[in-house]
Amino acid sequence: MRAILPIAAVLAVLATGAAEAADLAGIVRDGNGAPVADAVIYAVPRNRPVPALPVQGLPPTAIDQVNSQFPFITPVRRGSAVVFRNADTYGHTVYSVSQTKVFNIPLSRDVVSAPVVFDTAGVVVVGCSIHDYMLAYILVLDTPYYAVTNATGTAILNNLPADTHDVFVWHPGMAGTATPVPLVVTDGAIANAEFRVPLKLDGLWRIDRNNPVGRHIAP
């Protein structure tokens, strides 16, 4: 998948010795310079194929519902399976009407769903038809090289192969159209990247659980 929204980046690559791979340390900031949490940084090598999925696939990624909340951002590789867990004492109905993946899964308390395979790259917006304030995003990628930024806006991608990579940032609140940032990674290199990501002002990409009026899930 090519990125969806705009980024501007300053990149520096520092060689550190012989190795077969490298790490990318990235930081994402908004238009005012504040750190952006819950952004996905991912890299796509230009000249090397990405490792194939295991023949038996990867173990399913679990998305838990705890206190009527999902994990906000979950990146997965295309072809991977996800199971939804309900750790609450009451029921949920997990659903998506996104083009990337459509599903509707009722979950009683302490239930784990059957695996859902995400076989198309793209964004999946996930909600609960019982609790309108529950909102999450699954980003389905064609690369295994990704990480989600923490509260300080930082994330580390480990073991990138030596190559020229197209590096992307995705965030549900980004505005505009994204372009990749080229990054040359050499054996034994440490790559550092800073991204500036303007965020939409309407705030509809995130629901305030304490004030959900007017917030809605868009496909």
N, C-alpha and C. Protein backbone atom coordinates (compact mmCIF):
# COMPACT_ATOMS: atom_id res chain seq x y z
N MET A 1 0.83 -1.18 0.00
CA MET A 1 0.00 0.00 0.00
C MET A 1 0.87 1.24 0.00
N ARG A 2 0.56 2.20 -0.82
CA ARG A 2 1.26 3.47 -0.80
C ARG A 2 0.59 4.33 0.26
N ALA A 3 1.37 5.24 0.84
CA ALA A 3 0.85 6.00 1.95
C ALA A 3 -0.30 6.88 1.53
N ILE A 4 -1.07 7.36 2.48
CA ILE A 4 -2.32 8.00 2.19
C ILE A 4 -2.26 9.50 2.41
N LEU A 5 -1.31 10.00 3.21
CA LEU A 5 -1.35 11.40 3.58
C LEU A 5 0.03 12.05 3.61
N PRO A 6 0.13 13.43 3.66
CA PRO A 6 1.40 14.09 3.40
C PRO A 6 2.38 14.03 4.55
N ILE A 7 3.65 13.93 4.25
CA ILE A 7 4.70 14.00 5.25
C ILE A 7 5.84 14.82 4.70
N ALA A 8 6.52 15.53 5.60
CA ALA A 8 7.77 16.18 5.24
C ALA A 8 8.80 15.64 6.19
N ALA A 9 9.98 15.31 5.73
CA ALA A 9 10.93 14.63 6.59
C ALA A 9 12.34 15.15 6.40
N VAL A 10 13.09 15.11 7.50
CA VAL A 10 14.52 15.36 7.48
C VAL A 10 15.20 14.06 7.86
N LEU A 11 16.10 13.56 6.99
CA LEU A 11 16.69 12.24 7.18
C LEU A 11 18.19 12.33 7.33
N ALA A 12 18.76 11.52 8.21
CA ALA A 12 20.21 11.42 8.34
C ALA A 12 20.56 9.97 8.54
N VAL A 13 21.61 9.49 7.85
CA VAL A 13 22.04 8.11 7.97
C VAL A 13 23.48 8.09 8.46
N LEU A 14 23.75 7.35 9.53
CA LEU A 14 25.07 7.29 10.13
C LEU A 14 25.58 5.86 10.10
N ALA A 15 26.67 5.60 9.40
CA ALA A 15 27.24 4.26 9.33
C ALA A 15 27.92 3.93 10.65
N THR A 16 27.75 2.65 11.09
CA THR A 16 28.32 2.28 12.38
C THR A 16 29.13 1.00 12.33
N GLY A 17 29.23 0.33 11.21
CA GLY A 17 30.02 -0.89 11.18
C GLY A 17 29.36 -1.95 10.33
N ALA A 18 29.95 -3.12 10.32
CA ALA A 18 29.47 -4.18 9.45
C ALA A 18 28.32 -4.91 10.11
N ALA A 19 27.27 -5.12 9.34
CA ALA A 19 26.11 -5.89 9.77
C ALA A 19 25.29 -6.19 8.53
N GLU A 20 24.25 -6.99 8.69
CA GLU A 20 23.43 -7.35 7.55
C GLU A 20 22.13 -6.57 7.50
N ALA A 21 21.86 -5.77 8.49
CA ALA A 21 20.61 -5.03 8.53
C ALA A 21 20.81 -3.77 9.34
N ALA A 22 19.75 -2.99 9.45
CA ALA A 22 19.84 -1.72 10.15
C ALA A 22 18.53 -1.44 10.86
N ASP A 23 18.56 -0.46 11.76
CA ASP A 23 17.35 -0.01 12.44
C ASP A 23 17.03 1.41 11.99
N LEU A 24 15.76 1.74 12.01
CA LEU A 24 15.31 3.10 11.72
C LEU A 24 14.64 3.66 12.96
N ALA A 25 15.18 4.75 13.48
CA ALA A 25 14.58 5.45 14.61
C ALA A 25 13.87 6.68 14.07
N GLY A 26 12.55 6.70 14.22
CA GLY A 26 11.77 7.80 13.67
C GLY A 26 11.03 8.56 14.75
N ILE A 27 10.79 9.83 14.50
CA ILE A 27 9.95 10.65 15.37
C ILE A 27 8.97 11.41 14.50
N VAL A 28 7.73 11.45 14.93
CA VAL A 28 6.67 12.11 14.19
C VAL A 28 6.16 13.29 15.01
N ARG A 29 6.08 14.46 14.37
CA ARG A 29 5.57 15.68 15.01
C ARG A 29 4.44 16.24 14.16
N ASP A 30 3.54 16.99 14.82
CA ASP A 30 2.47 17.64 14.08
C ASP A 30 2.95 18.97 13.52
N GLY A 31 2.06 19.72 12.91
CA GLY A 31 2.44 20.97 12.29
C GLY A 31 2.99 22.00 13.25
N ASN A 32 2.70 21.84 14.54
CA ASN A 32 3.21 22.77 15.55
C ASN A 32 4.45 22.24 16.26
N GLY A 33 4.93 21.08 15.85
CA GLY A 33 6.13 20.51 16.46
C GLY A 33 5.87 19.61 17.64
N ALA A 34 4.59 19.38 18.00
CA ALA A 34 4.28 18.49 19.13
C ALA A 34 4.37 17.04 18.68
N PRO A 35 4.79 16.13 19.56
CA PRO A 35 4.90 14.72 19.18
C PRO A 35 3.53 14.13 18.87
N VAL A 36 3.50 13.21 17.92
CA VAL A 36 2.27 12.55 17.50
C VAL A 36 2.35 11.08 17.88
N ALA A 37 1.49 10.68 18.80
CA ALA A 37 1.39 9.26 19.16
C ALA A 37 0.47 8.54 18.17
N ASP A 38 0.56 7.22 18.16
CA ASP A 38 -0.33 6.37 17.37
C ASP A 38 -0.18 6.57 15.87
N ALA A 39 0.99 7.01 15.44
CA ALA A 39 1.29 7.05 14.01
C ALA A 39 2.07 5.79 13.64
N VAL A 40 1.83 5.29 12.45
CA VAL A 40 2.55 4.10 11.96
C VAL A 40 3.64 4.57 11.00
N ILE A 41 4.88 4.22 11.31
CA ILE A 41 6.00 4.43 10.40
C ILE A 41 6.29 3.09 9.75
N TYR A 42 6.35 3.06 8.41
CA TYR A 42 6.67 1.80 7.75
C TYR A 42 7.54 2.03 6.54
N ALA A 43 8.31 1.01 6.21
CA ALA A 43 9.32 1.11 5.15
C ALA A 43 9.11 0.00 4.13
N VAL A 44 9.27 0.36 2.85
CA VAL A 44 9.14 -0.59 1.76
C VAL A 44 10.44 -0.58 0.96
N PRO A 45 11.22 -1.66 0.97
CA PRO A 45 12.46 -1.70 0.19
C PRO A 45 12.16 -1.64 -1.31
N ARG A 46 12.98 -0.89 -2.04
CA ARG A 46 12.75 -0.74 -3.48
C ARG A 46 13.28 -1.91 -4.30
N ASN A 47 14.40 -2.49 -3.88
CA ASN A 47 15.11 -3.44 -4.73
C ASN A 47 15.17 -4.85 -4.17
N ARG A 48 14.66 -5.04 -2.99
CA ARG A 48 14.66 -6.37 -2.38
C ARG A 48 13.23 -6.79 -2.09
N PRO A 49 12.89 -8.04 -2.36
CA PRO A 49 11.55 -8.50 -1.99
C PRO A 49 11.43 -8.60 -0.48
N VAL A 50 10.25 -8.32 0.03
CA VAL A 50 10.03 -8.48 1.46
C VAL A 50 9.93 -9.97 1.77
N PRO A 51 10.30 -10.39 2.96
CA PRO A 51 10.22 -11.81 3.31
C PRO A 51 8.79 -12.32 3.14
N ALA A 52 8.67 -13.53 2.63
CA ALA A 52 7.35 -14.13 2.45
C ALA A 52 6.77 -14.51 3.80
N LEU A 53 5.45 -14.51 3.86
CA LEU A 53 4.79 -15.02 5.05
C LEU A 53 5.09 -16.50 5.21
N PRO A 54 5.20 -16.99 6.43
CA PRO A 54 5.38 -18.43 6.61
C PRO A 54 4.25 -19.21 5.94
N VAL A 55 4.56 -20.42 5.51
CA VAL A 55 3.56 -21.24 4.80
C VAL A 55 2.31 -21.40 5.65
N GLN A 56 2.49 -21.57 6.93
CA GLN A 56 1.35 -21.73 7.83
C GLN A 56 0.81 -20.40 8.33
N GLY A 57 1.38 -19.29 7.83
CA GLY A 57 0.92 -17.99 8.28
C GLY A 57 1.51 -17.60 9.62
N LEU A 58 1.22 -16.39 10.03
CA LEU A 58 1.67 -15.90 11.33
C LEU A 58 0.61 -16.18 12.39
N PRO A 59 1.01 -16.27 13.66
CA PRO A 59 0.00 -16.40 14.71
C PRO A 59 -0.96 -15.21 14.64
N PRO A 60 -2.24 -15.42 14.90
CA PRO A 60 -3.19 -14.31 14.83
C PRO A 60 -2.82 -13.17 15.78
N THR A 61 -3.03 -11.97 15.31
CA THR A 61 -2.90 -10.79 16.17
C THR A 61 -4.18 -10.64 16.97
N ALA A 62 -4.05 -10.42 18.26
CA ALA A 62 -5.23 -10.29 19.12
C ALA A 62 -5.55 -8.81 19.36
N ILE A 63 -6.79 -8.45 19.15
CA ILE A 63 -7.28 -7.11 19.48
C ILE A 63 -8.29 -7.26 20.61
N ASP A 64 -7.90 -6.83 21.80
CA ASP A 64 -8.71 -6.99 22.99
C ASP A 64 -9.65 -5.80 23.17
N GLN A 65 -10.83 -6.10 23.68
CA GLN A 65 -11.75 -5.06 24.11
C GLN A 65 -11.76 -5.06 25.63
N VAL A 66 -11.26 -3.98 26.22
CA VAL A 66 -11.13 -3.86 27.66
C VAL A 66 -11.72 -2.52 28.08
N ASN A 67 -12.67 -2.57 29.01
CA ASN A 67 -13.34 -1.34 29.46
C ASN A 67 -13.93 -0.56 28.29
N SER A 68 -14.53 -1.29 27.36
CA SER A 68 -15.18 -0.70 26.18
C SER A 68 -14.21 0.13 25.35
N GLN A 69 -13.00 -0.35 25.23
CA GLN A 69 -12.02 0.31 24.40
C GLN A 69 -11.21 -0.73 23.63
N PHE A 70 -10.88 -0.39 22.37
CA PHE A 70 -9.95 -1.18 21.57
C PHE A 70 -8.55 -0.59 21.71
N PRO A 71 -7.52 -1.35 21.40
CA PRO A 71 -6.24 -0.70 21.07
C PRO A 71 -6.49 0.22 19.87
N PHE A 72 -6.01 1.45 19.93
CA PHE A 72 -6.41 2.45 18.95
C PHE A 72 -5.87 2.15 17.56
N ILE A 73 -4.60 1.75 17.45
CA ILE A 73 -3.97 1.50 16.16
C ILE A 73 -3.33 0.11 16.18
N THR A 74 -3.65 -0.71 15.18
CA THR A 74 -3.02 -2.02 15.04
C THR A 74 -2.58 -2.20 13.59
N PRO A 75 -1.27 -2.14 13.31
CA PRO A 75 -0.80 -2.49 11.96
C PRO A 75 -0.60 -4.00 11.85
N VAL A 76 -0.96 -4.55 10.70
CA VAL A 76 -0.75 -5.97 10.43
C VAL A 76 -0.26 -6.12 9.00
N ARG A 77 0.37 -7.21 8.73
CA ARG A 77 0.81 -7.49 7.37
C ARG A 77 -0.31 -8.15 6.57
N ARG A 78 -0.42 -7.80 5.29
CA ARG A 78 -1.45 -8.39 4.45
C ARG A 78 -1.32 -9.91 4.44
N GLY A 79 -2.44 -10.57 4.60
CA GLY A 79 -2.47 -12.02 4.71
C GLY A 79 -2.51 -12.52 6.14
N SER A 80 -2.34 -11.61 7.09
CA SER A 80 -2.36 -12.00 8.50
C SER A 80 -3.79 -12.13 9.01
N ALA A 81 -3.93 -12.88 10.09
CA ALA A 81 -5.23 -13.07 10.73
C ALA A 81 -5.28 -12.28 12.03
N VAL A 82 -6.48 -11.84 12.38
CA VAL A 82 -6.73 -11.11 13.62
C VAL A 82 -7.87 -11.80 14.34
N VAL A 83 -7.73 -11.96 15.66
CA VAL A 83 -8.85 -12.41 16.49
C VAL A 83 -9.24 -11.27 17.42
N PHE A 84 -10.53 -11.15 17.68
CA PHE A 84 -11.05 -10.13 18.57
C PHE A 84 -11.46 -10.79 19.88
N ARG A 85 -11.02 -10.20 20.98
CA ARG A 85 -11.31 -10.75 22.30
C ARG A 85 -12.17 -9.76 23.09
N ASN A 86 -13.11 -10.30 23.83
CA ASN A 86 -13.93 -9.47 24.70
C ASN A 86 -13.59 -9.79 26.14
N ALA A 87 -12.83 -8.89 26.75
CA ALA A 87 -12.43 -9.08 28.15
C ALA A 87 -13.42 -8.42 29.11
N ASP A 88 -14.48 -7.81 28.58
CA ASP A 88 -15.46 -7.14 29.42
C ASP A 88 -16.52 -8.11 29.91
N THR A 89 -17.30 -7.67 30.87
CA THR A 89 -18.36 -8.51 31.44
C THR A 89 -19.68 -8.32 30.70
N TYR A 90 -19.66 -7.59 29.60
CA TYR A 90 -20.86 -7.33 28.81
C TYR A 90 -20.50 -7.50 27.34
N GLY A 91 -21.50 -7.57 26.48
CA GLY A 91 -21.28 -7.90 25.10
C GLY A 91 -20.84 -6.72 24.24
N HIS A 92 -20.19 -7.05 23.12
CA HIS A 92 -19.84 -6.09 22.08
C HIS A 92 -20.18 -6.70 20.72
N THR A 93 -20.36 -5.85 19.73
CA THR A 93 -20.47 -6.32 18.35
C THR A 93 -19.47 -5.54 17.52
N VAL A 94 -18.38 -6.21 17.15
CA VAL A 94 -17.29 -5.57 16.42
C VAL A 94 -17.63 -5.58 14.93
N TYR A 95 -17.45 -4.42 14.29
CA TYR A 95 -17.81 -4.40 12.87
C TYR A 95 -16.91 -3.45 12.10
N SER A 96 -16.89 -3.65 10.79
CA SER A 96 -16.23 -2.74 9.86
C SER A 96 -17.04 -2.71 8.57
N VAL A 97 -17.21 -1.51 8.02
CA VAL A 97 -17.82 -1.35 6.70
C VAL A 97 -16.80 -0.78 5.73
N SER A 98 -15.54 -0.83 6.09
CA SER A 98 -14.47 -0.32 5.23
C SER A 98 -14.31 -1.21 4.00
N GLN A 99 -13.94 -0.60 2.88
CA GLN A 99 -13.73 -1.38 1.66
C GLN A 99 -12.64 -2.43 1.83
N THR A 100 -11.64 -2.14 2.64
CA THR A 100 -10.53 -3.07 2.83
C THR A 100 -10.99 -4.38 3.45
N LYS A 101 -11.93 -4.31 4.40
CA LYS A 101 -12.45 -5.53 5.04
C LYS A 101 -13.79 -5.22 5.69
N VAL A 102 -14.79 -6.03 5.37
CA VAL A 102 -16.12 -5.89 5.95
C VAL A 102 -16.37 -7.09 6.86
N PHE A 103 -16.83 -6.81 8.09
CA PHE A 103 -17.19 -7.92 8.99
C PHE A 103 -18.14 -7.40 10.06
N ASN A 104 -18.82 -8.32 10.71
CA ASN A 104 -19.74 -8.01 11.81
C ASN A 104 -19.71 -9.19 12.76
N ILE A 105 -19.14 -8.99 13.97
CA ILE A 105 -18.85 -10.11 14.86
C ILE A 105 -19.44 -9.83 16.24
N PRO A 106 -20.55 -10.47 16.62
CA PRO A 106 -21.05 -10.35 17.99
C PRO A 106 -20.14 -11.12 18.95
N LEU A 107 -19.84 -10.51 20.07
CA LEU A 107 -18.96 -11.14 21.05
C LEU A 107 -19.57 -11.04 22.44
N SER A 108 -19.90 -12.17 23.02
CA SER A 108 -20.32 -12.18 24.41
C SER A 108 -19.09 -12.02 25.31
N ARG A 109 -19.33 -11.93 26.61
CA ARG A 109 -18.23 -11.77 27.55
C ARG A 109 -17.27 -12.94 27.46
N ASP A 110 -15.97 -12.63 27.58
CA ASP A 110 -14.90 -13.64 27.61
C ASP A 110 -14.84 -14.52 26.36
N VAL A 111 -15.27 -13.98 25.23
CA VAL A 111 -15.27 -14.75 23.98
C VAL A 111 -14.15 -14.26 23.08
N VAL A 112 -13.53 -15.20 22.36
CA VAL A 112 -12.54 -14.89 21.33
C VAL A 112 -13.14 -15.26 19.98
N SER A 113 -13.06 -14.35 19.02
CA SER A 113 -13.67 -14.59 17.72
C SER A 113 -12.88 -15.61 16.91
N ALA A 114 -13.48 -16.11 15.86
CA ALA A 114 -12.74 -16.85 14.84
C ALA A 114 -11.78 -15.89 14.15
N PRO A 115 -10.66 -16.39 13.62
CA PRO A 115 -9.71 -15.49 12.96
C PRO A 115 -10.33 -14.81 11.73
N VAL A 116 -10.01 -13.53 11.59
CA VAL A 116 -10.40 -12.76 10.42
C VAL A 116 -9.12 -12.48 9.63
N VAL A 117 -9.06 -12.91 8.38
CA VAL A 117 -7.87 -12.74 7.55
C VAL A 117 -7.98 -11.42 6.79
N PHE A 118 -6.95 -10.60 6.90
CA PHE A 118 -6.91 -9.31 6.22
C PHE A 118 -6.04 -9.46 4.97
N ASP A 119 -6.71 -9.69 3.85
CA ASP A 119 -6.02 -10.06 2.62
C ASP A 119 -5.92 -8.93 1.61
N THR A 120 -6.33 -7.72 2.00
CA THR A 120 -6.23 -6.55 1.13
C THR A 120 -5.54 -5.44 1.90
N ALA A 121 -4.56 -4.80 1.28
CA ALA A 121 -3.87 -3.69 1.94
C ALA A 121 -4.78 -2.47 2.01
N GLY A 122 -4.70 -1.74 3.11
CA GLY A 122 -5.51 -0.54 3.26
C GLY A 122 -5.86 -0.28 4.72
N VAL A 123 -6.77 0.63 4.92
CA VAL A 123 -7.20 1.04 6.26
C VAL A 123 -8.55 0.41 6.58
N VAL A 124 -8.66 -0.14 7.78
CA VAL A 124 -9.91 -0.70 8.26
C VAL A 124 -10.33 0.07 9.51
N VAL A 125 -11.50 0.69 9.45
CA VAL A 125 -12.04 1.41 10.60
C VAL A 125 -12.96 0.46 11.35
N VAL A 126 -12.70 0.26 12.64
CA VAL A 126 -13.41 -0.73 13.44
C VAL A 126 -14.24 -0.02 14.51
N GLY A 127 -15.47 -0.44 14.66
CA GLY A 127 -16.33 0.10 15.70
C GLY A 127 -17.11 -0.98 16.40
N CYS A 128 -17.94 -0.57 17.34
CA CYS A 128 -18.85 -1.47 18.05
C CYS A 128 -20.26 -0.93 17.85
N SER A 129 -21.16 -1.77 17.34
CA SER A 129 -22.52 -1.30 17.07
C SER A 129 -23.32 -1.10 18.35
N ILE A 130 -22.80 -1.57 19.48
CA ILE A 130 -23.48 -1.37 20.76
C ILE A 130 -22.98 -0.10 21.45
N HIS A 131 -21.67 0.15 21.34
CA HIS A 131 -21.05 1.31 22.01
C HIS A 131 -20.44 2.20 20.94
N ASP A 132 -21.14 3.30 20.63
CA ASP A 132 -20.72 4.16 19.52
C ASP A 132 -19.37 4.81 19.72
N TYR A 133 -18.94 4.92 20.98
CA TYR A 133 -17.68 5.61 21.25
C TYR A 133 -16.46 4.71 21.06
N MET A 134 -16.66 3.44 20.79
CA MET A 134 -15.53 2.55 20.56
C MET A 134 -15.05 2.70 19.12
N LEU A 135 -13.77 2.96 18.95
CA LEU A 135 -13.21 3.22 17.62
C LEU A 135 -11.77 2.73 17.58
N ALA A 136 -11.42 2.08 16.48
CA ALA A 136 -10.04 1.61 16.30
C ALA A 136 -9.73 1.57 14.82
N TYR A 137 -8.44 1.48 14.52
CA TYR A 137 -7.99 1.40 13.13
C TYR A 137 -7.02 0.24 12.98
N ILE A 138 -7.21 -0.54 11.92
CA ILE A 138 -6.26 -1.57 11.52
C ILE A 138 -5.66 -1.13 10.20
N LEU A 139 -4.34 -1.05 10.14
CA LEU A 139 -3.64 -0.69 8.92
C LEU A 139 -3.00 -1.94 8.34
N VAL A 140 -3.45 -2.37 7.17
CA VAL A 140 -2.97 -3.60 6.55
C VAL A 140 -1.90 -3.22 5.53
N LEU A 141 -0.69 -3.77 5.71
CA LEU A 141 0.48 -3.35 4.96
C LEU A 141 1.09 -4.50 4.16
N ASP A 142 1.79 -4.13 3.09
CA ASP A 142 2.51 -5.11 2.27
C ASP A 142 3.98 -5.19 2.65
N THR A 143 4.30 -4.85 3.87
CA THR A 143 5.68 -4.90 4.35
C THR A 143 5.70 -5.33 5.80
N PRO A 144 6.74 -6.04 6.23
CA PRO A 144 6.85 -6.40 7.64
C PRO A 144 7.59 -5.35 8.47
N TYR A 145 8.05 -4.27 7.82
CA TYR A 145 8.87 -3.28 8.51
C TYR A 145 8.00 -2.10 8.93
N TYR A 146 7.50 -2.16 10.17
CA TYR A 146 6.63 -1.10 10.66
C TYR A 146 6.69 -1.02 12.18
N ALA A 147 6.28 0.13 12.70
CA ALA A 147 6.21 0.33 14.15
C ALA A 147 5.25 1.49 14.41
N VAL A 148 4.68 1.51 15.63
CA VAL A 148 3.72 2.54 16.03
C VAL A 148 4.39 3.49 17.02
N THR A 149 4.20 4.78 16.82
CA THR A 149 4.83 5.76 17.71
C THR A 149 4.18 5.74 19.09
N ASN A 150 5.01 6.02 20.09
CA ASN A 150 4.52 6.09 21.47
C ASN A 150 4.13 7.53 21.81
N ALA A 151 3.94 7.79 23.09
CA ALA A 151 3.49 9.12 23.52
C ALA A 151 4.50 10.21 23.20
N THR A 152 5.75 9.86 23.02
CA THR A 152 6.77 10.86 22.66
C THR A 152 6.91 11.01 21.15
N GLY A 153 6.06 10.31 20.39
CA GLY A 153 6.11 10.41 18.94
C GLY A 153 7.21 9.57 18.30
N THR A 154 7.83 8.67 19.05
CA THR A 154 8.96 7.91 18.53
C THR A 154 8.60 6.44 18.31
N ALA A 155 9.30 5.83 17.35
CA ALA A 155 9.15 4.40 17.06
C ALA A 155 10.43 3.92 16.41
N ILE A 156 10.72 2.64 16.57
CA ILE A 156 11.93 2.05 15.99
C ILE A 156 11.53 0.87 15.11
N LEU A 157 11.99 0.89 13.86
CA LEU A 157 11.83 -0.23 12.96
C LEU A 157 13.14 -1.01 12.98
N ASN A 158 13.07 -2.27 13.31
CA ASN A 158 14.27 -3.09 13.45
C ASN A 158 14.53 -3.94 12.20
N ASN A 159 15.82 -4.16 11.96
CA ASN A 159 16.27 -5.15 10.97
C ASN A 159 15.79 -4.86 9.55
N LEU A 160 15.91 -3.61 9.13
CA LEU A 160 15.65 -3.29 7.73
C LEU A 160 16.81 -3.81 6.89
N PRO A 161 16.55 -4.38 5.72
CA PRO A 161 17.65 -4.82 4.86
C PRO A 161 18.34 -3.63 4.23
N ALA A 162 19.59 -3.81 3.87
CA ALA A 162 20.32 -2.75 3.17
C ALA A 162 19.67 -2.51 1.81
N ASP A 163 19.23 -1.28 1.58
CA ASP A 163 18.52 -0.96 0.34
C ASP A 163 18.09 0.50 0.43
N THR A 164 17.54 0.99 -0.67
CA THR A 164 16.81 2.25 -0.64
C THR A 164 15.37 1.93 -0.28
N HIS A 165 14.89 2.55 0.78
CA HIS A 165 13.53 2.29 1.25
C HIS A 165 12.65 3.51 0.99
N ASP A 166 11.40 3.24 0.64
CA ASP A 166 10.39 4.28 0.69
C ASP A 166 9.77 4.24 2.07
N VAL A 167 9.93 5.33 2.83
CA VAL A 167 9.46 5.37 4.21
C VAL A 167 8.19 6.22 4.27
N PHE A 168 7.18 5.68 4.91
CA PHE A 168 5.87 6.33 4.99
C PHE A 168 5.50 6.56 6.45
N VAL A 169 4.63 7.53 6.66
CA VAL A 169 3.94 7.69 7.93
C VAL A 169 2.44 7.69 7.66
N TRP A 170 1.72 6.97 8.48
CA TRP A 170 0.25 7.00 8.41
C TRP A 170 -0.31 7.28 9.79
N HIS A 171 -1.33 8.14 9.82
CA HIS A 171 -2.04 8.45 11.05
C HIS A 171 -3.48 8.76 10.67
N PRO A 172 -4.46 8.28 11.46
CA PRO A 172 -5.86 8.50 11.06
C PRO A 172 -6.28 9.95 11.02
N GLY A 173 -5.52 10.82 11.69
CA GLY A 173 -5.87 12.23 11.70
C GLY A 173 -5.10 13.08 10.71
N MET A 174 -4.31 12.44 9.84
CA MET A 174 -3.52 13.21 8.87
C MET A 174 -4.42 13.84 7.82
N ALA A 175 -3.97 14.96 7.27
CA ALA A 175 -4.71 15.68 6.24
C ALA A 175 -3.90 15.69 4.95
N GLY A 176 -4.56 15.46 3.81
CA GLY A 176 -3.89 15.57 2.52
C GLY A 176 -3.52 14.22 1.93
N THR A 177 -2.54 14.25 1.03
CA THR A 177 -2.10 13.06 0.32
C THR A 177 -0.62 12.82 0.58
N ALA A 178 -0.28 11.61 0.96
CA ALA A 178 1.09 11.31 1.38
C ALA A 178 2.00 10.98 0.22
N THR A 179 3.26 11.27 0.40
CA THR A 179 4.30 10.83 -0.54
C THR A 179 5.39 10.13 0.26
N PRO A 180 6.05 9.14 -0.33
CA PRO A 180 7.10 8.44 0.41
C PRO A 180 8.35 9.30 0.52
N VAL A 181 9.13 9.04 1.54
CA VAL A 181 10.42 9.68 1.74
C VAL A 181 11.50 8.63 1.48
N PRO A 182 12.40 8.84 0.51
CA PRO A 182 13.43 7.84 0.24
C PRO A 182 14.50 7.86 1.32
N LEU A 183 14.93 6.69 1.75
CA LEU A 183 15.95 6.56 2.78
C LEU A 183 16.89 5.43 2.37
N VAL A 184 18.18 5.75 2.22
CA VAL A 184 19.17 4.75 1.88
C VAL A 184 19.72 4.15 3.17
N VAL A 185 19.56 2.85 3.30
CA VAL A 185 20.06 2.12 4.47
C VAL A 185 21.17 1.20 4.00
N THR A 186 22.34 1.33 4.59
CA THR A 186 23.46 0.45 4.26
C THR A 186 23.71 -0.51 5.41
N ASP A 187 24.42 -1.60 5.11
CA ASP A 187 24.71 -2.60 6.15
C ASP A 187 25.33 -1.92 7.36
N GLY A 188 24.77 -2.23 8.52
CA GLY A 188 25.31 -1.71 9.76
C GLY A 188 25.01 -0.26 10.01
N ALA A 189 24.00 0.29 9.34
CA ALA A 189 23.68 1.71 9.50
C ALA A 189 22.60 1.90 10.56
N ILE A 190 22.60 3.08 11.15
CA ILE A 190 21.50 3.52 12.00
C ILE A 190 20.87 4.71 11.30
N ALA A 191 19.61 4.60 10.97
CA ALA A 191 18.92 5.66 10.25
C ALA A 191 18.02 6.43 11.22
N ASN A 192 18.03 7.74 11.11
CA ASN A 192 17.19 8.60 11.94
C ASN A 192 16.31 9.44 11.02
N ALA A 193 15.03 9.52 11.33
CA ALA A 193 14.11 10.29 10.49
C ALA A 193 13.17 11.11 11.37
N GLU A 194 12.92 12.33 10.95
CA GLU A 194 11.92 13.17 11.62
C GLU A 194 10.85 13.53 10.59
N PHE A 195 9.60 13.32 10.96
CA PHE A 195 8.47 13.57 10.07
C PHE A 195 7.58 14.66 10.66
N ARG A 196 7.09 15.53 9.82
CA ARG A 196 6.09 16.52 10.21
C ARG A 196 4.76 16.14 9.55
N VAL A 197 3.73 15.99 10.37
CA VAL A 197 2.44 15.49 9.89
C VAL A 197 1.33 16.44 10.32
N PRO A 198 0.81 17.27 9.41
CA PRO A 198 -0.34 18.10 9.77
C PRO A 198 -1.55 17.23 10.09
N LEU A 199 -2.27 17.57 11.16
CA LEU A 199 -3.44 16.81 11.56
C LEU A 199 -4.71 17.59 11.23
N LYS A 200 -5.77 16.86 10.90
CA LYS A 200 -7.06 17.48 10.65
C LYS A 200 -7.57 18.13 11.93
N LEU A 201 -8.25 19.24 11.76
CA LEU A 201 -8.70 20.00 12.92
C LEU A 201 -10.06 19.55 13.45
N ASP A 202 -10.83 18.79 12.64
CA ASP A 202 -12.19 18.46 13.08
C ASP A 202 -12.22 17.41 14.17
N GLY A 203 -11.13 16.65 14.32
CA GLY A 203 -11.06 15.67 15.40
C GLY A 203 -11.94 14.45 15.22
N LEU A 204 -12.59 14.29 14.05
CA LEU A 204 -13.52 13.17 13.88
C LEU A 204 -12.82 11.83 13.76
N TRP A 205 -11.50 11.83 13.63
CA TRP A 205 -10.77 10.57 13.54
C TRP A 205 -10.61 9.91 14.89
N ARG A 206 -10.94 10.64 15.97
CA ARG A 206 -10.85 10.03 17.29
C ARG A 206 -12.07 10.43 18.12
N ILE A 207 -12.68 9.45 18.76
CA ILE A 207 -13.88 9.70 19.53
C ILE A 207 -13.52 9.94 20.99
N ASP A 208 -14.09 11.00 21.55
CA ASP A 208 -13.96 11.27 22.98
C ASP A 208 -15.00 10.42 23.70
N ARG A 209 -14.55 9.42 24.42
CA ARG A 209 -15.49 8.50 25.07
C ARG A 209 -16.42 9.25 26.01
N ASN A 210 -15.96 10.34 26.61
CA ASN A 210 -16.78 11.08 27.57
C ASN A 210 -17.72 12.08 26.90
N ASN A 211 -17.52 12.31 25.58
CA ASN A 211 -18.36 13.25 24.86
C ASN A 211 -18.51 12.78 23.42
N PRO A 212 -19.19 11.66 23.21
CA PRO A 212 -19.23 11.06 21.87
C PRO A 212 -20.25 11.68 20.92
N VAL A 213 -21.02 12.65 21.38
CA VAL A 213 -22.07 13.22 20.55
C VAL A 213 -21.48 13.82 19.28
N GLY A 214 -22.04 13.45 18.14
CA GLY A 214 -21.60 14.02 16.87
C GLY A 214 -20.44 13.27 16.26
N ARG A 215 -19.83 12.38 17.00
CA ARG A 215 -18.70 11.61 16.44
C ARG A 215 -19.25 10.38 15.73
N HIS A 216 -18.65 10.01 14.63
CA HIS A 216 -19.15 8.89 13.89
C HIS A 216 -18.01 8.17 13.20
N ILE A 217 -18.27 6.97 12.74
CA ILE A 217 -17.27 6.17 12.04
C ILE A 217 -17.53 6.28 10.54
N ALA A 218 -16.53 6.69 9.81
CA ALA A 218 -16.63 6.77 8.35
C ALA A 218 -15.95 5.54 7.75
N PRO A 219 -16.48 5.00 6.65
CA PRO A 219 -15.82 3.84 6.02
C PRO A 219 -14.48 4.22 5.44
